[in-house]
């Protein structure tokens, strides 16, 4: 089992292309994210657990550590 994870992910807005590095929560899914540039409200794509898994360059910590996030997959 992995004990390390990457805590930051760069989210890219699919609407305007704005990129921003964010620190991910370690104990919960983040289901919504507001783009700092165009203010679009991002939600996870179908099949993804959170906005970091959908729009980030690094998946969320639970996925990195356990392969599942916020559910008993």
PDB file of N, CA and C in Angstrom:
ATOM      1  N   UNK A   1       0.831  -1.182   0.000  1.00  0.00           N
ATOM      2  CA  UNK A   1       0.000   0.000   0.000  1.00  0.00           C
ATOM      3  C   UNK A   1       0.879   1.251   0.000  1.00  0.00           C
ATOM      4  N   UNK A   2       0.518   2.219  -0.831  1.00  0.00           N
ATOM      5  CA  UNK A   2       1.275   3.458  -0.898  1.00  0.00           C
ATOM      6  C   UNK A   2       1.027   4.287   0.356  1.00  0.00           C
ATOM      7  N   UNK A   3       2.053   4.980   0.812  1.00  0.00           N
ATOM      8  CA  UNK A   3       1.894   5.839   1.981  1.00  0.00           C
ATOM      9  C   UNK A   3       2.082   7.303   1.628  1.00  0.00           C
ATOM     10  N   UNK A   4       2.507   7.577   0.409  1.00  0.00           N
ATOM     11  CA  UNK A   4       2.725   8.953  -0.024  1.00  0.00           C
ATOM     12  C   UNK A   4       1.707   9.322  -1.081  1.00  0.00           C
ATOM     13  N   UNK A   5       1.425  10.598  -1.166  1.00  0.00           N
ATOM     14  CA  UNK A   5       0.561  11.099  -2.233  1.00  0.00           C
ATOM     15  C   UNK A   5       1.013  12.508  -2.586  1.00  0.00           C
ATOM     16  N   UNK A   6       0.616  12.951  -3.754  1.00  0.00           N
ATOM     17  CA  UNK A   6       0.908  14.310  -4.207  1.00  0.00           C
ATOM     18  C   UNK A   6      -0.261  15.179  -3.770  1.00  0.00           C
ATOM     19  N   UNK A   7      -0.031  16.204  -2.951  1.00  0.00           N
ATOM     20  CA  UNK A   7      -1.136  16.969  -2.371  1.00  0.00           C
ATOM     21  C   UNK A   7      -1.740  18.044  -3.278  1.00  0.00           C
ATOM     22  N   UNK A   8      -1.030  18.418  -4.338  1.00  0.00           N
ATOM     23  CA  UNK A   8      -1.504  19.510  -5.188  1.00  0.00           C
ATOM     24  C   UNK A   8      -1.820  19.013  -6.596  1.00  0.00           C
ATOM     25  N   UNK A   9      -2.810  19.631  -7.199  1.00  0.00           N
ATOM     26  CA  UNK A   9      -3.205  19.309  -8.559  1.00  0.00           C
ATOM     27  C   UNK A   9      -3.538  20.611  -9.273  1.00  0.00           C
ATOM     28  N   UNK A  10      -3.188  20.695 -10.544  1.00  0.00           N
ATOM     29  CA  UNK A  10      -3.532  21.870 -11.335  1.00  0.00           C
ATOM     30  C   UNK A  10      -4.818  21.587 -12.095  1.00  0.00           C
ATOM     31  N   UNK A  11      -5.853  22.349 -11.770  1.00  0.00           N
ATOM     32  CA  UNK A  11      -7.148  22.205 -12.430  1.00  0.00           C
ATOM     33  C   UNK A  11      -7.155  23.081 -13.673  1.00  0.00           C
ATOM     34  N   UNK A  12      -7.622  22.519 -14.781  1.00  0.00           N
ATOM     35  CA  UNK A  12      -7.781  23.262 -16.027  1.00  0.00           C
ATOM     36  C   UNK A  12      -9.267  23.373 -16.336  1.00  0.00           C
ATOM     37  N   UNK A  13      -9.755  24.591 -16.454  1.00  0.00           N
ATOM     38  CA  UNK A  13     -11.166  24.827 -16.756  1.00  0.00           C
ATOM     39  C   UNK A  13     -11.452  24.411 -18.199  1.00  0.00           C
ATOM     40  N   UNK A  14     -12.461  23.560 -18.402  1.00  0.00           N
ATOM     41  CA  UNK A  14     -12.787  23.140 -19.765  1.00  0.00           C
ATOM     42  C   UNK A  14     -13.495  24.230 -20.574  1.00  0.00           C
ATOM     43  N   UNK A  15     -13.946  25.275 -19.898  1.00  0.00           N
ATOM     44  CA  UNK A  15     -14.669  26.351 -20.571  1.00  0.00           C
ATOM     45  C   UNK A  15     -13.730  27.427 -21.119  1.00  0.00           C
ATOM     46  N   UNK A  16     -12.743  27.829 -20.307  1.00  0.00           N
ATOM     47  CA  UNK A  16     -11.878  28.943 -20.727  1.00  0.00           C
ATOM     48  C   UNK A  16     -10.396  28.580 -20.782  1.00  0.00           C
ATOM     49  N   UNK A  17     -10.030  27.398 -20.273  1.00  0.00           N
ATOM     50  CA  UNK A  17      -8.635  26.968 -20.317  1.00  0.00           C
ATOM     51  C   UNK A  17      -7.765  27.485 -19.176  1.00  0.00           C
ATOM     52  N   UNK A  18      -8.359  28.266 -18.260  1.00  0.00           N
ATOM     53  CA  UNK A  18      -7.592  28.787 -17.121  1.00  0.00           C
ATOM     54  C   UNK A  18      -7.086  27.621 -16.283  1.00  0.00           C
ATOM     55  N   UNK A  19      -5.839  27.740 -15.817  1.00  0.00           N
ATOM     56  CA  UNK A  19      -5.220  26.706 -14.981  1.00  0.00           C
ATOM     57  C   UNK A  19      -4.875  27.296 -13.628  1.00  0.00           C
ATOM     58  N   UNK A  20      -5.121  26.527 -12.564  1.00  0.00           N
ATOM     59  CA  UNK A  20      -4.774  26.976 -11.214  1.00  0.00           C
ATOM     60  C   UNK A  20      -4.384  25.771 -10.367  1.00  0.00           C
ATOM     61  N   UNK A  21      -3.269  25.910  -9.676  1.00  0.00           N
ATOM     62  CA  UNK A  21      -2.794  24.856  -8.772  1.00  0.00           C
ATOM     63  C   UNK A  21      -3.540  24.977  -7.456  1.00  0.00           C
ATOM     64  N   UNK A  22      -4.093  23.865  -6.994  1.00  0.00           N
ATOM     65  CA  UNK A  22      -4.876  23.824  -5.756  1.00  0.00           C
ATOM     66  C   UNK A  22      -4.398  22.677  -4.878  1.00  0.00           C
ATOM     67  N   UNK A  23      -4.512  22.859  -3.569  1.00  0.00           N
ATOM     68  CA  UNK A  23      -4.248  21.773  -2.633  1.00  0.00           C
ATOM     69  C   UNK A  23      -5.542  20.993  -2.448  1.00  0.00           C
ATOM     70  N   UNK A  24      -5.449  19.688  -2.601  1.00  0.00           N
ATOM     71  CA  UNK A  24      -6.633  18.832  -2.543  1.00  0.00           C
ATOM     72  C   UNK A  24      -6.968  18.439  -1.112  1.00  0.00           C
ATOM     73  N   UNK A  25      -8.258  18.306  -0.791  1.00  0.00           N
ATOM     74  CA  UNK A  25      -8.630  17.779   0.522  1.00  0.00           C
ATOM     75  C   UNK A  25      -8.222  16.307   0.600  1.00  0.00           C
ATOM     76  N   UNK A  26      -7.846  15.865   1.783  1.00  0.00           N
ATOM     77  CA  UNK A  26      -7.402  14.475   1.936  1.00  0.00           C
ATOM     78  C   UNK A  26      -8.503  13.574   2.474  1.00  0.00           C
ATOM     79  N   UNK A  27      -9.566  14.160   3.004  1.00  0.00           N
ATOM     80  CA  UNK A  27     -10.569  13.351   3.685  1.00  0.00           C
ATOM     81  C   UNK A  27     -11.970  13.472   3.105  1.00  0.00           C
ATOM     82  N   UNK A  28     -12.106  14.114   1.949  1.00  0.00           N
ATOM     83  CA  UNK A  28     -13.423  14.280   1.342  1.00  0.00           C
ATOM     84  C   UNK A  28     -13.273  14.540  -0.149  1.00  0.00           C
ATOM     85  N   UNK A  29     -14.333  14.220  -0.875  1.00  0.00           N
ATOM     86  CA  UNK A  29     -14.366  14.550  -2.300  1.00  0.00           C
ATOM     87  C   UNK A  29     -14.734  16.014  -2.452  1.00  0.00           C
ATOM     88  N   UNK A  30     -14.191  16.647  -3.470  1.00  0.00           N
ATOM     89  CA  UNK A  30     -14.596  18.013  -3.794  1.00  0.00           C
ATOM     90  C   UNK A  30     -15.448  17.914  -5.055  1.00  0.00           C
ATOM     91  N   UNK A  31     -16.749  18.109  -4.886  1.00  0.00           N
ATOM     92  CA  UNK A  31     -17.691  17.912  -5.979  1.00  0.00           C
ATOM     93  C   UNK A  31     -17.904  19.151  -6.826  1.00  0.00           C
ATOM     94  N   UNK A  32     -17.539  20.313  -6.313  1.00  0.00           N
ATOM     95  CA  UNK A  32     -17.729  21.556  -7.056  1.00  0.00           C
ATOM     96  C   UNK A  32     -16.461  22.391  -7.000  1.00  0.00           C
ATOM     97  N   UNK A  33     -16.213  23.138  -8.071  1.00  0.00           N
ATOM     98  CA  UNK A  33     -15.069  24.026  -8.127  1.00  0.00           C
ATOM     99  C   UNK A  33     -15.436  25.189  -9.032  1.00  0.00           C
ATOM    100  N   UNK A  34     -15.243  26.413  -8.551  1.00  0.00           N
ATOM    101  CA  UNK A  34     -15.521  27.590  -9.356  1.00  0.00           C
ATOM    102  C   UNK A  34     -14.235  28.087  -9.994  1.00  0.00           C
ATOM    103  N   UNK A  35     -14.240  28.195 -11.320  1.00  0.00           N
ATOM    104  CA  UNK A  35     -13.075  28.697 -12.052  1.00  0.00           C
ATOM    105  C   UNK A  35     -12.808  30.137 -11.633  1.00  0.00           C
ATOM    106  N   UNK A  36     -11.561  30.429 -11.319  1.00  0.00           N
ATOM    107  CA  UNK A  36     -11.180  31.774 -10.879  1.00  0.00           C
ATOM    108  C   UNK A  36     -11.277  32.792 -12.014  1.00  0.00           C
ATOM    109  N   UNK A  37     -11.225  32.337 -13.264  1.00  0.00           N
ATOM    110  CA  UNK A  37     -11.236  33.267 -14.393  1.00  0.00           C
ATOM    111  C   UNK A  37     -12.646  33.523 -14.931  1.00  0.00           C
ATOM    112  N   UNK A  38     -13.353  32.462 -15.322  1.00  0.00           N
ATOM    113  CA  UNK A  38     -14.667  32.647 -15.958  1.00  0.00           C
ATOM    114  C   UNK A  38     -15.832  32.370 -15.016  1.00  0.00           C
ATOM    115  N   UNK A  39     -15.539  31.887 -13.811  1.00  0.00           N
ATOM    116  CA  UNK A  39     -16.523  31.611 -12.762  1.00  0.00           C
ATOM    117  C   UNK A  39     -17.492  30.479 -13.100  1.00  0.00           C
ATOM    118  N   UNK A  40     -17.113  29.630 -14.054  1.00  0.00           N
ATOM    119  CA  UNK A  40     -17.912  28.443 -14.345  1.00  0.00           C
ATOM    120  C   UNK A  40     -17.847  27.508 -13.140  1.00  0.00           C
ATOM    121  N   UNK A  41     -18.959  26.868 -12.848  1.00  0.00           N
ATOM    122  CA  UNK A  41     -19.006  25.907 -11.756  1.00  0.00           C
ATOM    123  C   UNK A  41     -18.740  24.522 -12.336  1.00  0.00           C
ATOM    124  N   UNK A  42     -17.602  23.953 -11.982  1.00  0.00           N
ATOM    125  CA  UNK A  42     -17.218  22.638 -12.483  1.00  0.00           C
ATOM    126  C   UNK A  42     -17.747  21.560 -11.554  1.00  0.00           C
ATOM    127  N   UNK A  43     -18.218  20.482 -12.148  1.00  0.00           N
ATOM    128  CA  UNK A  43     -18.682  19.299 -11.419  1.00  0.00           C
ATOM    129  C   UNK A  43     -17.949  18.102 -12.005  1.00  0.00           C
ATOM    130  N   UNK A  44     -17.800  17.015 -11.239  1.00  0.00           N
ATOM    131  CA  UNK A  44     -17.094  15.844 -11.779  1.00  0.00           C
ATOM    132  C   UNK A  44     -17.786  15.291 -13.023  1.00  0.00           C
ATOM    133  N   UNK A  45     -16.975  14.782 -13.941  1.00  0.00           N
ATOM    134  CA  UNK A  45     -17.523  14.088 -15.101  1.00  0.00           C
ATOM    135  C   UNK A  45     -18.126  12.775 -14.624  1.00  0.00           C
ATOM    136  N   UNK A  46     -19.060  12.244 -15.393  1.00  0.00           N
ATOM    137  CA  UNK A  46     -19.676  10.973 -15.041  1.00  0.00           C
ATOM    138  C   UNK A  46     -18.607   9.896 -14.883  1.00  0.00           C
ATOM    139  N   UNK A  47     -18.658   9.180 -13.772  1.00  0.00           N
ATOM    140  CA  UNK A  47     -17.690   8.129 -13.494  1.00  0.00           C
ATOM    141  C   UNK A  47     -16.510   8.580 -12.649  1.00  0.00           C
ATOM    142  N   UNK A  48     -16.319   9.902 -12.499  1.00  0.00           N
ATOM    143  CA  UNK A  48     -15.245  10.429 -11.655  1.00  0.00           C
ATOM    144  C   UNK A  48     -15.809  10.800 -10.289  1.00  0.00           C
ATOM    145  N   UNK A  49     -14.960  10.719  -9.277  1.00  0.00           N
ATOM    146  CA  UNK A  49     -15.431  10.979  -7.917  1.00  0.00           C
ATOM    147  C   UNK A  49     -15.376  12.449  -7.525  1.00  0.00           C
ATOM    148  N   UNK A  50     -14.524  13.232  -8.192  1.00  0.00           N
ATOM    149  CA  UNK A  50     -14.368  14.624  -7.781  1.00  0.00           C
ATOM    150  C   UNK A  50     -13.817  15.474  -8.924  1.00  0.00           C
ATOM    151  N   UNK A  51     -13.797  16.776  -8.733  1.00  0.00           N
ATOM    152  CA  UNK A  51     -13.323  17.688  -9.781  1.00  0.00           C
ATOM    153  C   UNK A  51     -11.835  17.496 -10.070  1.00  0.00           C
ATOM    154  N   UNK A  52     -11.061  17.068  -9.086  1.00  0.00           N
ATOM    155  CA  UNK A  52      -9.632  16.850  -9.317  1.00  0.00           C
ATOM    156  C   UNK A  52      -9.408  15.663 -10.252  1.00  0.00           C
ATOM    157  N   UNK A  53     -10.226  14.630 -10.118  1.00  0.00           N
ATOM    158  CA  UNK A  53     -10.102  13.470 -10.999  1.00  0.00           C
ATOM    159  C   UNK A  53     -10.575  13.799 -12.412  1.00  0.00           C
ATOM    160  N   UNK A  54     -11.491  14.751 -12.542  1.00  0.00           N
ATOM    161  CA  UNK A  54     -12.006  15.132 -13.857  1.00  0.00           C
ATOM    162  C   UNK A  54     -11.157  16.187 -14.554  1.00  0.00           C
ATOM    163  N   UNK A  55     -10.698  17.190 -13.823  1.00  0.00           N
ATOM    164  CA  UNK A  55     -10.063  18.353 -14.454  1.00  0.00           C
ATOM    165  C   UNK A  55      -8.647  18.636 -13.969  1.00  0.00           C
ATOM    166  N   UNK A  56      -8.154  17.852 -13.012  1.00  0.00           N
ATOM    167  CA  UNK A  56      -6.816  18.067 -12.487  1.00  0.00           C
ATOM    168  C   UNK A  56      -5.773  17.232 -13.201  1.00  0.00           C
ATOM    169  N   UNK A  57      -4.519  17.633 -13.061  1.00  0.00           N
ATOM    170  CA  UNK A  57      -3.434  16.858 -13.660  1.00  0.00           C
ATOM    171  C   UNK A  57      -2.971  15.734 -12.740  1.00  0.00           C
ATOM    172  N   UNK A  58      -3.422  15.740 -11.494  1.00  0.00           N
ATOM    173  CA  UNK A  58      -3.123  14.693 -10.514  1.00  0.00           C
ATOM    174  C   UNK A  58      -4.456  14.277  -9.884  1.00  0.00           C
ATOM    175  N   UNK A  59      -4.762  12.978  -9.794  1.00  0.00           N
ATOM    176  CA  UNK A  59      -6.012  12.566  -9.155  1.00  0.00           C
ATOM    177  C   UNK A  59      -5.993  12.833  -7.651  1.00  0.00           C
ATOM    178  N   UNK A  60      -7.152  12.811  -7.037  1.00  0.00           N
ATOM    179  CA  UNK A  60      -7.280  13.113  -5.606  1.00  0.00           C
ATOM    180  C   UNK A  60      -6.507  12.112  -4.740  1.00  0.00           C
ATOM    181  N   UNK A  61      -6.154  12.514  -3.503  1.00  0.00           N
ATOM    182  CA  UNK A  61      -5.385  11.625  -2.622  1.00  0.00           C
ATOM    183  C   UNK A  61      -6.007  10.249  -2.387  1.00  0.00           C
ATOM    184  N   UNK A  62      -7.326  10.121  -2.148  1.00  0.00           N
ATOM    185  CA  UNK A  62      -7.857   8.764  -1.967  1.00  0.00           C
ATOM    186  C   UNK A  62      -7.644   7.863  -3.180  1.00  0.00           C
ATOM    187  N   UNK A  63      -7.764   8.410  -4.376  1.00  0.00           N
ATOM    188  CA  UNK A  63      -7.500   7.612  -5.582  1.00  0.00           C
ATOM    189  C   UNK A  63      -6.023   7.251  -5.651  1.00  0.00           C
ATOM    190  N   UNK A  64      -5.147   8.210  -5.346  1.00  0.00           N
ATOM    191  CA  UNK A  64      -3.706   7.937  -5.369  1.00  0.00           C
ATOM    192  C   UNK A  64      -3.335   6.842  -4.371  1.00  0.00           C
ATOM    193  N   UNK A  65      -3.956   6.866  -3.192  1.00  0.00           N
ATOM    194  CA  UNK A  65      -3.577   5.945  -2.120  1.00  0.00           C
ATOM    195  C   UNK A  65      -4.296   4.610  -2.183  1.00  0.00           C
ATOM    196  N   UNK A  66      -5.591   4.636  -2.526  1.00  0.00           N
ATOM    197  CA  UNK A  66      -6.402   3.435  -2.385  1.00  0.00           C
ATOM    198  C   UNK A  66      -7.068   2.967  -3.678  1.00  0.00           C
ATOM    199  N   UNK A  67      -7.058   3.819  -4.699  1.00  0.00           N
ATOM    200  CA  UNK A  67      -7.716   3.460  -5.948  1.00  0.00           C
ATOM    201  C   UNK A  67      -9.215   3.677  -5.933  1.00  0.00           C
ATOM    202  N   UNK A  68      -9.759   4.151  -4.832  1.00  0.00           N
ATOM    203  CA  UNK A  68     -11.189   4.443  -4.725  1.00  0.00           C
ATOM    204  C   UNK A  68     -11.366   5.706  -3.901  1.00  0.00           C
ATOM    205  N   UNK A  69     -12.458   6.383  -4.160  1.00  0.00           N
ATOM    206  CA  UNK A  69     -12.682   7.663  -3.486  1.00  0.00           C
ATOM    207  C   UNK A  69     -14.124   7.783  -3.016  1.00  0.00           C
ATOM    208  N   UNK A  70     -14.314   8.047  -1.755  1.00  0.00           N
ATOM    209  CA  UNK A  70     -15.612   8.388  -1.166  1.00  0.00           C
ATOM    210  C   UNK A  70     -16.670   7.316  -1.300  1.00  0.00           C
ATOM    211  N   UNK A  71     -16.340   6.158  -1.790  1.00  0.00           N
ATOM    212  CA  UNK A  71     -17.274   5.049  -1.860  1.00  0.00           C
ATOM    213  C   UNK A  71     -16.497   3.774  -1.629  1.00  0.00           C
ATOM    214  N   UNK A  72     -17.197   2.698  -1.433  1.00  0.00           N
ATOM    215  CA  UNK A  72     -16.551   1.387  -1.298  1.00  0.00           C
ATOM    216  C   UNK A  72     -16.524   0.709  -2.652  1.00  0.00           C
ATOM    217  N   UNK A  73     -15.744   1.238  -3.561  1.00  0.00           N
ATOM    218  CA  UNK A  73     -15.662   0.684  -4.916  1.00  0.00           C
ATOM    219  C   UNK A  73     -14.871  -0.593  -4.918  1.00  0.00           C
TER     220      UNK A  73
END
